[in-house]
N, C-alpha and C. Protein backbone atom coordinates (compact mmCIF):
# COMPACT_ATOMS: atom_id res chain seq x y z
N MET A 1 -20.91 -51.86 -9.71
CA MET A 1 -21.52 -50.68 -9.11
C MET A 1 -20.62 -50.10 -8.01
N LYS A 2 -19.97 -51.01 -7.22
CA LYS A 2 -19.09 -50.53 -6.16
C LYS A 2 -17.90 -49.78 -6.74
N ARG A 3 -17.32 -50.30 -7.84
CA ARG A 3 -16.18 -49.63 -8.46
C ARG A 3 -16.59 -48.25 -8.96
N PHE A 4 -17.77 -48.14 -9.51
CA PHE A 4 -18.23 -46.85 -10.02
C PHE A 4 -18.39 -45.84 -8.87
N SER A 5 -18.91 -46.29 -7.71
CA SER A 5 -19.11 -45.39 -6.58
C SER A 5 -17.78 -44.89 -6.03
N VAL A 6 -16.80 -45.79 -5.91
CA VAL A 6 -15.48 -45.38 -5.41
C VAL A 6 -14.82 -44.39 -6.36
N PHE A 7 -14.92 -44.63 -7.65
CA PHE A 7 -14.34 -43.71 -8.64
C PHE A 7 -15.01 -42.34 -8.55
N THR A 8 -16.34 -42.34 -8.44
CA THR A 8 -17.06 -41.05 -8.34
C THR A 8 -16.64 -40.29 -7.09
N LEU A 9 -16.54 -41.00 -5.96
CA LEU A 9 -16.14 -40.36 -4.72
C LEU A 9 -14.73 -39.79 -4.81
N ALA A 10 -13.80 -40.55 -5.41
CA ALA A 10 -12.42 -40.08 -5.57
C ALA A 10 -12.37 -38.83 -6.44
N LEU A 11 -13.17 -38.82 -7.53
CA LEU A 11 -13.19 -37.66 -8.41
C LEU A 11 -13.71 -36.43 -7.67
N ALA A 12 -14.75 -36.61 -6.84
CA ALA A 12 -15.30 -35.49 -6.07
C ALA A 12 -14.27 -34.93 -5.11
N VAL A 13 -13.50 -35.81 -4.46
CA VAL A 13 -12.47 -35.34 -3.52
C VAL A 13 -11.41 -34.54 -4.25
N VAL A 14 -10.96 -35.01 -5.43
CA VAL A 14 -9.94 -34.29 -6.21
C VAL A 14 -10.43 -32.90 -6.58
N LEU A 15 -11.70 -32.79 -7.02
CA LEU A 15 -12.24 -31.49 -7.40
C LEU A 15 -12.31 -30.55 -6.21
N ILE A 16 -12.69 -31.09 -5.04
CA ILE A 16 -12.79 -30.25 -3.85
C ILE A 16 -11.43 -29.74 -3.42
N VAL A 17 -10.42 -30.63 -3.41
CA VAL A 17 -9.06 -30.20 -3.04
C VAL A 17 -8.53 -29.17 -4.01
N SER A 18 -8.84 -29.33 -5.31
CA SER A 18 -8.41 -28.35 -6.30
C SER A 18 -9.04 -27.00 -6.02
N ALA A 19 -10.32 -27.00 -5.62
CA ALA A 19 -10.99 -25.74 -5.31
C ALA A 19 -10.36 -25.05 -4.13
N CYS A 20 -9.95 -25.85 -3.12
CA CYS A 20 -9.27 -25.26 -1.96
C CYS A 20 -7.96 -24.63 -2.36
N GLY A 21 -7.23 -25.27 -3.27
CA GLY A 21 -5.97 -24.72 -3.76
C GLY A 21 -6.18 -23.40 -4.46
N ALA A 22 -7.28 -23.30 -5.22
CA ALA A 22 -7.57 -22.06 -5.92
C ALA A 22 -7.86 -20.95 -4.94
N GLY A 23 -8.44 -21.28 -3.78
CA GLY A 23 -8.72 -20.25 -2.78
C GLY A 23 -7.47 -19.60 -2.26
N ASP A 24 -6.37 -20.41 -2.09
CA ASP A 24 -5.12 -19.83 -1.61
C ASP A 24 -4.56 -18.81 -2.57
N ALA A 25 -4.74 -19.05 -3.87
CA ALA A 25 -4.18 -18.12 -4.85
C ALA A 25 -4.83 -16.77 -4.75
N ASN A 26 -6.11 -16.74 -4.28
CA ASN A 26 -6.81 -15.47 -4.21
C ASN A 26 -6.41 -14.62 -3.03
N SER A 27 -5.48 -15.12 -2.17
CA SER A 27 -5.07 -14.34 -1.02
C SER A 27 -4.04 -13.28 -1.36
N THR A 28 -3.68 -13.16 -2.65
CA THR A 28 -2.68 -12.17 -3.09
C THR A 28 -3.02 -10.75 -2.68
N PRO A 29 -4.34 -10.27 -2.70
CA PRO A 29 -4.63 -8.89 -2.32
C PRO A 29 -4.12 -8.53 -0.94
N THR A 30 -4.02 -9.56 -0.05
CA THR A 30 -3.51 -9.26 1.28
C THR A 30 -2.06 -8.81 1.20
N VAL A 31 -1.26 -9.45 0.37
CA VAL A 31 0.13 -9.06 0.19
C VAL A 31 0.21 -7.67 -0.41
N ASP A 32 -0.68 -7.37 -1.38
CA ASP A 32 -0.68 -6.05 -1.99
C ASP A 32 -0.99 -4.97 -0.97
N ALA A 33 -1.89 -5.25 -0.06
CA ALA A 33 -2.26 -4.27 0.96
C ALA A 33 -1.07 -3.94 1.84
N VAL A 34 -0.25 -4.95 2.18
CA VAL A 34 0.92 -4.70 3.01
C VAL A 34 1.94 -3.88 2.26
N GLN A 35 2.16 -4.21 0.99
CA GLN A 35 3.13 -3.47 0.19
C GLN A 35 2.70 -2.01 0.04
N GLN A 36 1.42 -1.76 -0.14
CA GLN A 36 0.93 -0.39 -0.27
C GLN A 36 1.16 0.39 1.02
N ALA A 37 0.96 -0.30 2.16
CA ALA A 37 1.11 0.37 3.44
C ALA A 37 2.55 0.80 3.67
N VAL A 38 3.52 -0.06 3.30
CA VAL A 38 4.93 0.28 3.45
C VAL A 38 5.28 1.45 2.56
N ALA A 39 4.74 1.51 1.33
CA ALA A 39 5.06 2.56 0.38
C ALA A 39 4.61 3.91 0.89
N VAL A 40 3.46 4.02 1.49
CA VAL A 40 2.96 5.31 1.96
C VAL A 40 3.45 5.64 3.35
N GLN A 41 4.21 4.77 3.98
CA GLN A 41 4.80 4.98 5.30
C GLN A 41 3.74 5.33 6.34
N GLY A 42 2.56 4.92 6.16
CA GLY A 42 1.55 5.30 7.14
C GLY A 42 0.49 4.26 7.42
N THR A 43 0.34 3.26 6.54
CA THR A 43 -0.72 2.28 6.76
C THR A 43 -0.19 0.88 6.53
N ILE A 44 -0.78 -0.05 7.14
CA ILE A 44 -0.37 -1.44 6.93
C ILE A 44 -1.55 -2.32 7.25
N ALA A 45 -1.56 -3.30 6.68
CA ALA A 45 -2.60 -4.24 7.01
C ALA A 45 -2.00 -5.63 7.05
N ALA A 46 -2.44 -6.59 7.83
CA ALA A 46 -1.97 -7.95 7.91
C ALA A 46 -3.08 -8.94 7.97
N ALA A 47 -3.03 -9.90 7.03
CA ALA A 47 -4.12 -10.88 6.97
C ALA A 47 -3.59 -12.17 6.41
N ALA A 48 -3.99 -13.27 6.91
CA ALA A 48 -3.52 -14.58 6.45
C ALA A 48 -4.68 -15.55 6.43
N PHE A 49 -4.60 -16.49 5.46
CA PHE A 49 -5.65 -17.50 5.34
C PHE A 49 -5.08 -18.89 5.56
N THR A 50 -5.85 -19.76 6.23
CA THR A 50 -5.45 -21.16 6.45
C THR A 50 -6.45 -22.06 5.76
N SER A 51 -5.95 -22.87 4.85
CA SER A 51 -6.82 -23.80 4.12
C SER A 51 -6.54 -25.22 4.58
N VAL A 52 -7.57 -25.90 5.10
CA VAL A 52 -7.41 -27.26 5.63
C VAL A 52 -7.85 -28.27 4.59
N ALA A 53 -6.91 -29.13 4.19
CA ALA A 53 -7.22 -30.15 3.19
C ALA A 53 -7.72 -31.40 3.88
N GLN A 54 -8.86 -31.92 3.45
CA GLN A 54 -9.44 -33.13 4.03
C GLN A 54 -9.13 -34.33 3.15
N THR A 55 -8.76 -35.44 3.78
CA THR A 55 -8.41 -36.65 3.04
C THR A 55 -9.45 -37.72 3.26
N GLN A 56 -9.59 -38.63 2.32
CA GLN A 56 -10.58 -39.72 2.38
C GLN A 56 -9.84 -41.05 2.48
N THR A 57 -10.11 -41.86 3.54
CA THR A 57 -9.45 -43.16 3.74
C THR A 57 -10.35 -44.27 3.21
N ALA A 58 -9.81 -45.10 2.33
CA ALA A 58 -10.61 -46.18 1.72
C ALA A 58 -10.69 -47.37 2.65
N LEU A 59 -11.84 -48.08 2.63
CA LEU A 59 -12.02 -49.30 3.42
C LEU A 59 -11.37 -50.48 2.71
N PRO A 60 -10.91 -51.53 3.45
CA PRO A 60 -10.30 -52.71 2.80
C PRO A 60 -11.31 -53.39 1.88
N THR A 61 -10.84 -53.76 0.70
CA THR A 61 -11.73 -54.38 -0.28
C THR A 61 -12.05 -55.82 0.06
N SER A 62 -11.26 -56.44 0.97
CA SER A 62 -11.48 -57.85 1.29
C SER A 62 -12.76 -58.06 2.10
N THR A 63 -13.19 -57.03 2.85
CA THR A 63 -14.42 -57.15 3.64
C THR A 63 -15.36 -56.01 3.28
N PRO A 64 -15.96 -56.05 2.12
CA PRO A 64 -16.86 -54.97 1.69
C PRO A 64 -18.10 -54.90 2.57
N GLN A 65 -18.48 -53.70 2.97
CA GLN A 65 -19.67 -53.49 3.77
C GLN A 65 -20.53 -52.43 3.12
N PRO A 66 -21.58 -52.85 2.42
CA PRO A 66 -22.45 -51.89 1.71
C PRO A 66 -23.00 -50.82 2.62
N THR A 67 -23.32 -51.17 3.85
CA THR A 67 -23.89 -50.18 4.77
C THR A 67 -22.89 -49.06 5.05
N ALA A 68 -21.61 -49.39 5.30
CA ALA A 68 -20.59 -48.39 5.56
C ALA A 68 -20.36 -47.51 4.35
N THR A 69 -20.42 -48.08 3.16
CA THR A 69 -20.22 -47.31 1.94
C THR A 69 -21.32 -46.27 1.78
N ILE A 70 -22.54 -46.63 2.07
CA ILE A 70 -23.65 -45.69 1.96
C ILE A 70 -23.51 -44.58 3.00
N THR A 71 -23.05 -44.90 4.19
CA THR A 71 -22.86 -43.90 5.24
C THR A 71 -21.79 -42.89 4.85
N ASP A 72 -20.77 -43.34 4.14
CA ASP A 72 -19.67 -42.45 3.77
C ASP A 72 -20.03 -41.51 2.63
N THR A 73 -21.06 -41.78 1.87
CA THR A 73 -21.33 -40.97 0.68
C THR A 73 -21.66 -39.51 0.98
N PRO A 74 -22.26 -39.13 2.15
CA PRO A 74 -22.52 -37.69 2.39
C PRO A 74 -21.27 -36.87 2.65
N VAL A 75 -20.09 -37.48 2.85
CA VAL A 75 -18.88 -36.74 3.22
C VAL A 75 -18.54 -35.63 2.23
N PRO A 76 -18.58 -35.87 0.89
CA PRO A 76 -18.27 -34.77 -0.03
C PRO A 76 -19.18 -33.57 0.15
N THR A 77 -20.46 -33.77 0.52
CA THR A 77 -21.36 -32.65 0.75
C THR A 77 -20.89 -31.81 1.93
N ASN A 78 -20.41 -32.46 3.00
CA ASN A 78 -19.96 -31.73 4.18
C ASN A 78 -18.74 -30.87 3.89
N THR A 79 -17.90 -31.26 2.94
CA THR A 79 -16.69 -30.49 2.65
C THR A 79 -17.00 -29.16 2.00
N PHE A 80 -18.24 -28.94 1.54
CA PHE A 80 -18.56 -27.66 0.93
C PHE A 80 -18.62 -26.54 1.96
N VAL A 81 -18.81 -26.86 3.23
CA VAL A 81 -18.95 -25.82 4.26
C VAL A 81 -17.70 -24.97 4.40
N PRO A 82 -16.47 -25.56 4.58
CA PRO A 82 -15.29 -24.69 4.67
C PRO A 82 -15.00 -23.93 3.39
N ILE A 83 -15.41 -24.45 2.22
CA ILE A 83 -15.19 -23.73 0.97
C ILE A 83 -15.99 -22.44 0.97
N GLU A 84 -17.26 -22.49 1.43
CA GLU A 84 -18.08 -21.29 1.48
C GLU A 84 -17.51 -20.29 2.47
N THR A 85 -16.98 -20.77 3.60
CA THR A 85 -16.36 -19.88 4.58
C THR A 85 -15.15 -19.17 3.99
N LEU A 86 -14.34 -19.88 3.22
CA LEU A 86 -13.17 -19.29 2.59
C LEU A 86 -13.57 -18.19 1.63
N ASN A 87 -14.61 -18.42 0.83
CA ASN A 87 -15.06 -17.41 -0.12
C ASN A 87 -15.53 -16.16 0.61
N ALA A 88 -16.22 -16.32 1.75
CA ALA A 88 -16.68 -15.17 2.52
C ALA A 88 -15.51 -14.37 3.04
N ALA A 89 -14.45 -15.06 3.50
CA ALA A 89 -13.27 -14.36 4.00
C ALA A 89 -12.58 -13.58 2.90
N LEU A 90 -12.49 -14.14 1.71
CA LEU A 90 -11.85 -13.45 0.60
C LEU A 90 -12.64 -12.21 0.21
N THR A 91 -13.96 -12.27 0.27
CA THR A 91 -14.78 -11.11 -0.05
C THR A 91 -14.52 -9.98 0.93
N ALA A 92 -14.36 -10.30 2.21
CA ALA A 92 -14.09 -9.28 3.21
C ALA A 92 -12.76 -8.59 2.94
N VAL A 93 -11.75 -9.33 2.53
CA VAL A 93 -10.44 -8.74 2.23
C VAL A 93 -10.54 -7.80 1.05
N GLN A 94 -11.31 -8.18 0.05
CA GLN A 94 -11.45 -7.33 -1.13
C GLN A 94 -12.11 -6.01 -0.77
N ILE A 95 -13.08 -6.02 0.14
CA ILE A 95 -13.73 -4.79 0.56
C ILE A 95 -12.74 -3.89 1.30
N THR A 96 -11.91 -4.49 2.16
CA THR A 96 -10.92 -3.71 2.90
C THR A 96 -9.91 -3.07 1.96
N ASN A 97 -9.45 -3.82 0.96
CA ASN A 97 -8.48 -3.28 0.01
C ASN A 97 -9.08 -2.15 -0.81
N THR A 98 -10.36 -2.26 -1.14
CA THR A 98 -11.02 -1.21 -1.90
C THR A 98 -11.08 0.07 -1.09
N ALA A 99 -11.38 -0.07 0.21
CA ALA A 99 -11.44 1.10 1.07
C ALA A 99 -10.08 1.77 1.16
N ALA A 100 -9.01 0.96 1.25
CA ALA A 100 -7.66 1.53 1.33
C ALA A 100 -7.28 2.23 0.04
N ALA A 101 -7.77 1.72 -1.10
CA ALA A 101 -7.40 2.28 -2.39
C ALA A 101 -7.96 3.69 -2.57
N VAL A 102 -9.09 4.04 -1.91
CA VAL A 102 -9.69 5.35 -2.07
C VAL A 102 -9.33 6.28 -0.90
N ASP A 103 -8.41 5.89 -0.04
CA ASP A 103 -7.98 6.73 1.07
C ASP A 103 -7.38 8.02 0.51
N PRO A 104 -7.96 9.18 0.82
CA PRO A 104 -7.45 10.44 0.27
C PRO A 104 -6.09 10.83 0.82
N CYS A 105 -5.63 10.16 1.87
CA CYS A 105 -4.36 10.52 2.49
C CYS A 105 -3.19 9.69 1.97
N VAL A 106 -3.45 8.73 1.08
CA VAL A 106 -2.39 7.88 0.57
C VAL A 106 -1.36 8.72 -0.18
N ASN A 107 -0.09 8.54 0.16
CA ASN A 107 1.02 9.25 -0.48
C ASN A 107 0.95 10.76 -0.30
N LYS A 108 0.25 11.23 0.72
CA LYS A 108 0.11 12.67 0.93
C LYS A 108 0.91 13.11 2.15
N ALA A 109 1.86 14.00 1.93
CA ALA A 109 2.61 14.57 3.05
C ALA A 109 1.76 15.63 3.73
N LEU A 110 1.87 15.72 5.04
CA LEU A 110 1.11 16.72 5.78
C LEU A 110 1.62 18.12 5.42
N PRO A 111 0.76 19.02 4.95
CA PRO A 111 1.21 20.36 4.53
C PRO A 111 1.88 21.11 5.67
N ASP A 112 2.86 21.95 5.34
CA ASP A 112 3.56 22.74 6.34
C ASP A 112 2.63 23.71 7.06
N THR A 113 1.54 24.08 6.40
CA THR A 113 0.60 25.03 6.99
C THR A 113 -0.23 24.40 8.11
N VAL A 114 -0.21 23.07 8.19
CA VAL A 114 -0.98 22.39 9.24
C VAL A 114 -0.11 22.29 10.48
N ARG A 115 -0.23 23.29 11.33
CA ARG A 115 0.59 23.35 12.54
C ARG A 115 -0.28 23.76 13.72
N GLY A 116 0.07 23.23 14.88
CA GLY A 116 -0.66 23.57 16.10
C GLY A 116 0.29 23.63 17.27
N ASP A 117 -0.21 23.32 18.47
CA ASP A 117 0.63 23.39 19.65
C ASP A 117 0.60 22.09 20.46
N VAL A 118 0.34 20.98 19.78
CA VAL A 118 0.37 19.68 20.44
C VAL A 118 1.80 19.14 20.40
N LYS A 119 2.26 18.61 21.53
CA LYS A 119 3.63 18.11 21.63
C LYS A 119 3.64 16.59 21.81
N ILE A 120 4.53 15.93 21.07
CA ILE A 120 4.76 14.50 21.28
C ILE A 120 6.26 14.24 21.31
N ARG A 121 6.63 13.19 22.02
CA ARG A 121 8.04 12.78 22.12
C ARG A 121 8.12 11.31 21.73
N ILE A 122 9.08 10.98 20.87
CA ILE A 122 9.28 9.60 20.42
C ILE A 122 10.69 9.18 20.78
N ASP A 123 10.82 8.16 21.62
CA ASP A 123 12.13 7.65 22.04
C ASP A 123 12.45 6.35 21.31
N ASN A 124 13.72 6.24 20.88
CA ASN A 124 14.18 5.04 20.18
C ASN A 124 15.29 4.37 20.99
N PRO A 125 14.94 3.53 21.96
CA PRO A 125 15.97 2.84 22.76
C PRO A 125 16.57 1.62 22.07
N THR A 126 16.15 1.34 20.84
CA THR A 126 16.69 0.17 20.13
C THR A 126 18.11 0.47 19.66
N LYS A 127 18.76 -0.55 19.09
CA LYS A 127 20.12 -0.40 18.58
C LYS A 127 20.15 -0.05 17.09
N ALA A 128 19.00 0.24 16.53
CA ALA A 128 18.91 0.50 15.09
C ALA A 128 18.45 1.92 14.81
N THR A 129 18.97 2.49 13.72
CA THR A 129 18.44 3.74 13.21
C THR A 129 17.16 3.42 12.44
N VAL A 130 16.07 4.09 12.79
CA VAL A 130 14.77 3.75 12.21
C VAL A 130 14.18 4.93 11.45
N ASN A 131 13.36 4.60 10.48
CA ASN A 131 12.53 5.59 9.81
C ASN A 131 11.24 5.72 10.60
N VAL A 132 10.76 6.94 10.76
CA VAL A 132 9.56 7.20 11.54
C VAL A 132 8.56 7.98 10.70
N SER A 133 7.31 7.57 10.77
CA SER A 133 6.23 8.28 10.09
C SER A 133 5.17 8.64 11.12
N VAL A 134 4.81 9.92 11.16
CA VAL A 134 3.74 10.40 12.04
C VAL A 134 2.57 10.74 11.14
N TYR A 135 1.52 9.94 11.20
CA TYR A 135 0.45 9.98 10.21
C TYR A 135 -0.83 10.51 10.83
N LEU A 136 -1.30 11.66 10.36
CA LEU A 136 -2.55 12.26 10.84
C LEU A 136 -3.71 11.71 10.04
N LEU A 137 -4.64 11.05 10.73
CA LEU A 137 -5.81 10.51 10.06
C LEU A 137 -6.81 11.61 9.76
N GLN A 138 -7.57 11.45 8.71
CA GLN A 138 -8.57 12.44 8.33
C GLN A 138 -9.74 12.38 9.29
N ALA A 139 -10.05 13.52 9.92
CA ALA A 139 -11.13 13.57 10.91
C ALA A 139 -12.50 13.58 10.26
N GLY A 140 -12.58 14.06 9.03
CA GLY A 140 -13.85 14.13 8.32
C GLY A 140 -13.62 14.62 6.91
N PRO A 141 -14.66 14.63 6.08
CA PRO A 141 -14.51 15.08 4.70
C PRO A 141 -13.96 16.51 4.63
N GLY A 142 -12.90 16.68 3.86
CA GLY A 142 -12.32 18.01 3.68
C GLY A 142 -11.29 18.38 4.72
N SER A 143 -11.15 17.61 5.79
CA SER A 143 -10.16 17.95 6.82
C SER A 143 -8.77 17.50 6.37
N GLU A 144 -7.75 18.12 6.95
CA GLU A 144 -6.38 17.82 6.56
C GLU A 144 -5.96 16.44 7.05
N CYS A 145 -5.06 15.83 6.31
CA CYS A 145 -4.51 14.53 6.68
C CYS A 145 -3.18 14.36 5.97
N GLY A 146 -2.43 13.37 6.37
CA GLY A 146 -1.14 13.11 5.74
C GLY A 146 -0.10 12.74 6.78
N TYR A 147 1.15 12.66 6.34
CA TYR A 147 2.20 12.20 7.24
C TYR A 147 3.43 13.11 7.20
N ARG A 148 4.19 13.05 8.28
CA ARG A 148 5.52 13.63 8.34
C ARG A 148 6.51 12.47 8.50
N ALA A 149 7.66 12.59 7.86
CA ALA A 149 8.65 11.51 7.88
C ALA A 149 9.93 12.00 8.56
N TYR A 150 10.51 11.13 9.36
CA TYR A 150 11.74 11.45 10.09
C TYR A 150 12.68 10.25 10.08
N VAL A 151 13.96 10.51 10.40
CA VAL A 151 14.94 9.45 10.64
C VAL A 151 15.43 9.63 12.07
N LEU A 152 15.30 8.56 12.86
CA LEU A 152 15.64 8.64 14.28
C LEU A 152 16.76 7.65 14.59
N ALA A 153 17.91 8.18 15.03
CA ALA A 153 19.07 7.34 15.32
C ALA A 153 18.84 6.49 16.57
N ALA A 154 19.63 5.44 16.69
CA ALA A 154 19.53 4.56 17.86
C ALA A 154 19.82 5.33 19.14
N GLN A 155 19.07 5.02 20.19
CA GLN A 155 19.25 5.61 21.51
C GLN A 155 18.95 7.12 21.53
N GLN A 156 18.23 7.61 20.53
CA GLN A 156 17.94 9.03 20.46
C GLN A 156 16.43 9.27 20.60
N SER A 157 16.08 10.56 20.75
CA SER A 157 14.68 10.96 20.92
C SER A 157 14.30 12.01 19.89
N LEU A 158 13.04 12.04 19.56
CA LEU A 158 12.49 13.02 18.62
C LEU A 158 11.36 13.76 19.33
N VAL A 159 11.43 15.09 19.36
CA VAL A 159 10.39 15.90 19.98
C VAL A 159 9.74 16.75 18.89
N ILE A 160 8.43 16.64 18.78
CA ILE A 160 7.65 17.43 17.81
C ILE A 160 6.67 18.27 18.62
N ASN A 161 6.71 19.59 18.43
CA ASN A 161 5.90 20.47 19.28
C ASN A 161 4.92 21.34 18.50
N ASP A 162 4.63 20.95 17.25
CA ASP A 162 3.73 21.80 16.46
C ASP A 162 2.65 21.00 15.73
N LEU A 163 2.20 19.91 16.34
CA LEU A 163 1.14 19.12 15.71
C LEU A 163 -0.23 19.69 16.06
N VAL A 164 -1.20 19.39 15.23
CA VAL A 164 -2.57 19.80 15.51
C VAL A 164 -3.26 18.68 16.29
N GLU A 165 -4.33 19.02 16.98
CA GLU A 165 -5.09 18.00 17.69
C GLU A 165 -5.73 17.05 16.68
N GLY A 166 -5.71 15.78 17.01
CA GLY A 166 -6.27 14.79 16.10
C GLY A 166 -5.81 13.40 16.47
N CYS A 167 -6.10 12.45 15.62
CA CYS A 167 -5.73 11.06 15.85
C CYS A 167 -4.57 10.69 14.92
N TYR A 168 -3.53 10.10 15.49
CA TYR A 168 -2.31 9.81 14.75
C TYR A 168 -1.96 8.33 14.83
N SER A 169 -1.40 7.85 13.72
CA SER A 169 -0.77 6.53 13.69
C SER A 169 0.72 6.74 13.51
N LEU A 170 1.50 6.18 14.42
CA LEU A 170 2.95 6.28 14.34
C LEU A 170 3.50 4.96 13.81
N TRP A 171 4.46 5.08 12.89
CA TRP A 171 5.11 3.89 12.32
C TRP A 171 6.62 4.06 12.46
N ALA A 172 7.30 2.98 12.75
CA ALA A 172 8.77 2.97 12.79
C ALA A 172 9.25 1.66 12.21
N TRP A 173 10.28 1.74 11.37
CA TRP A 173 10.81 0.52 10.79
C TRP A 173 12.31 0.64 10.55
N ASN A 174 12.97 -0.50 10.71
CA ASN A 174 14.40 -0.59 10.46
C ASN A 174 14.58 -1.06 9.02
N PRO A 175 15.16 -0.25 8.15
CA PRO A 175 15.30 -0.64 6.74
C PRO A 175 16.40 -1.66 6.47
N ASP A 176 17.20 -1.97 7.49
CA ASP A 176 18.27 -2.96 7.31
C ASP A 176 17.66 -4.35 7.11
N PRO A 177 17.88 -4.97 5.95
CA PRO A 177 17.25 -6.29 5.69
C PRO A 177 17.63 -7.35 6.71
N LYS A 178 18.82 -7.25 7.29
CA LYS A 178 19.25 -8.28 8.24
C LYS A 178 18.49 -8.20 9.56
N ASN A 179 18.08 -7.01 9.94
CA ASN A 179 17.39 -6.82 11.22
C ASN A 179 16.07 -6.07 11.04
N TYR A 180 15.42 -6.31 9.92
CA TYR A 180 14.21 -5.55 9.58
C TYR A 180 13.09 -5.79 10.58
N PHE A 181 12.42 -4.70 10.94
CA PHE A 181 11.18 -4.80 11.70
C PHE A 181 10.34 -3.57 11.40
N MET A 182 9.05 -3.69 11.55
CA MET A 182 8.12 -2.58 11.39
C MET A 182 7.10 -2.63 12.52
N VAL A 183 6.90 -1.51 13.20
CA VAL A 183 6.00 -1.47 14.35
C VAL A 183 5.12 -0.23 14.28
N THR A 184 4.02 -0.26 15.02
CA THR A 184 3.09 0.86 15.05
C THR A 184 2.42 0.94 16.41
N ASN A 185 1.87 2.10 16.72
CA ASN A 185 1.10 2.27 17.96
C ASN A 185 -0.37 1.96 17.74
N GLY A 186 -0.77 1.76 16.48
CA GLY A 186 -2.20 1.66 16.17
C GLY A 186 -2.72 3.05 15.89
N THR A 187 -3.52 3.60 16.77
CA THR A 187 -4.02 4.97 16.64
C THR A 187 -4.12 5.59 18.03
N THR A 188 -3.61 6.81 18.16
CA THR A 188 -3.71 7.54 19.42
C THR A 188 -4.22 8.95 19.13
N CYS A 189 -5.27 9.36 19.82
CA CYS A 189 -5.81 10.71 19.65
C CYS A 189 -5.17 11.62 20.71
N VAL A 190 -4.60 12.73 20.26
CA VAL A 190 -3.83 13.60 21.15
C VAL A 190 -4.41 15.01 21.16
N ASN A 191 -4.09 15.73 22.24
CA ASN A 191 -4.46 17.14 22.35
C ASN A 191 -3.33 17.87 23.08
N LYS A 192 -3.55 19.13 23.42
CA LYS A 192 -2.48 19.93 24.02
C LYS A 192 -2.47 19.86 25.55
N SER A 193 -3.18 18.91 26.12
CA SER A 193 -3.24 18.82 27.58
C SER A 193 -1.95 18.32 28.20
N GLN A 194 -1.07 17.69 27.40
CA GLN A 194 0.16 17.12 27.93
C GLN A 194 1.13 16.86 26.78
N THR A 195 2.35 16.44 27.13
CA THR A 195 3.30 15.96 26.13
C THR A 195 3.14 14.45 26.03
N TRP A 196 2.82 13.98 24.84
CA TRP A 196 2.55 12.57 24.62
C TRP A 196 3.85 11.87 24.27
N ALA A 197 4.25 10.89 25.08
CA ALA A 197 5.54 10.21 24.90
C ALA A 197 5.32 8.78 24.43
N PHE A 198 6.10 8.38 23.41
CA PHE A 198 6.01 7.04 22.84
C PHE A 198 7.38 6.38 22.87
N ASP A 199 7.39 5.08 23.14
CA ASP A 199 8.63 4.30 23.15
C ASP A 199 8.60 3.27 22.03
N ILE A 200 9.66 3.26 21.22
CA ILE A 200 9.78 2.30 20.12
C ILE A 200 10.52 1.06 20.61
N SER A 201 10.01 -0.10 20.24
CA SER A 201 10.74 -1.35 20.45
C SER A 201 10.65 -2.15 19.16
N THR A 202 11.29 -3.30 19.14
CA THR A 202 11.23 -4.13 17.93
C THR A 202 9.89 -4.84 17.80
N ASN A 203 9.03 -4.70 18.81
CA ASN A 203 7.73 -5.37 18.79
C ASN A 203 6.55 -4.42 18.67
N SER A 204 6.73 -3.16 19.08
CA SER A 204 5.59 -2.24 19.09
C SER A 204 6.05 -0.82 19.34
N ILE A 205 5.09 0.11 19.26
CA ILE A 205 5.28 1.48 19.73
C ILE A 205 4.22 1.69 20.81
N LYS A 206 4.66 1.97 22.03
CA LYS A 206 3.73 2.08 23.14
C LYS A 206 3.68 3.50 23.68
N LEU A 207 2.45 3.93 24.01
CA LEU A 207 2.26 5.22 24.66
C LEU A 207 2.69 5.09 26.11
N ARG A 208 3.57 5.98 26.53
CA ARG A 208 4.08 5.92 27.89
C ARG A 208 3.06 6.48 28.87
N GLU A 209 2.88 5.77 29.97
CA GLU A 209 1.95 6.24 31.00
C GLU A 209 2.50 7.51 31.64
N GLN A 210 1.63 8.48 31.85
CA GLN A 210 2.04 9.76 32.43
C GLN A 210 1.90 9.71 33.96
């Protein structure tokens, strides 16, 4: 009977570890989301999953203790808790990817007719020539959205003086594989009350204090 219990417990542990391995394979949509963001030069998403594998230590067979064996039997039931948490996390990622897939601004350049009198300045003090995307988020159904693309040389500045009021995400990346980086400001809502200045670094794009 003891041999049968140990075999059953070992089989349960193998099945649980296999299930955890399958959870890692489902994290692929996160990679797809990042690739899509780079392609449209305006969105990115970052997400990672950590799967913790639990191991079972066997007791010495020379001193069998039936009481300890019975106490250990609930352990496989407890391992189901992190598995359910992993499934919930994967569901959340799938919802986010679905929302990104229906974004009406994906791959859409901002029309030339969308012009205003908002001014922004983007400084590139890095040593790399970077690609820059200025991405106007959609304010509501039917409103204009899209991006403008620029190339900004090292130690140079870019001044744009014809943007419309709205919320923008700025992206900058160095396409050189040896020194690749991609940074963003997140989202900044601008108006014509001032000139909005941003500084690019290899870690972020920051709005300069006025």
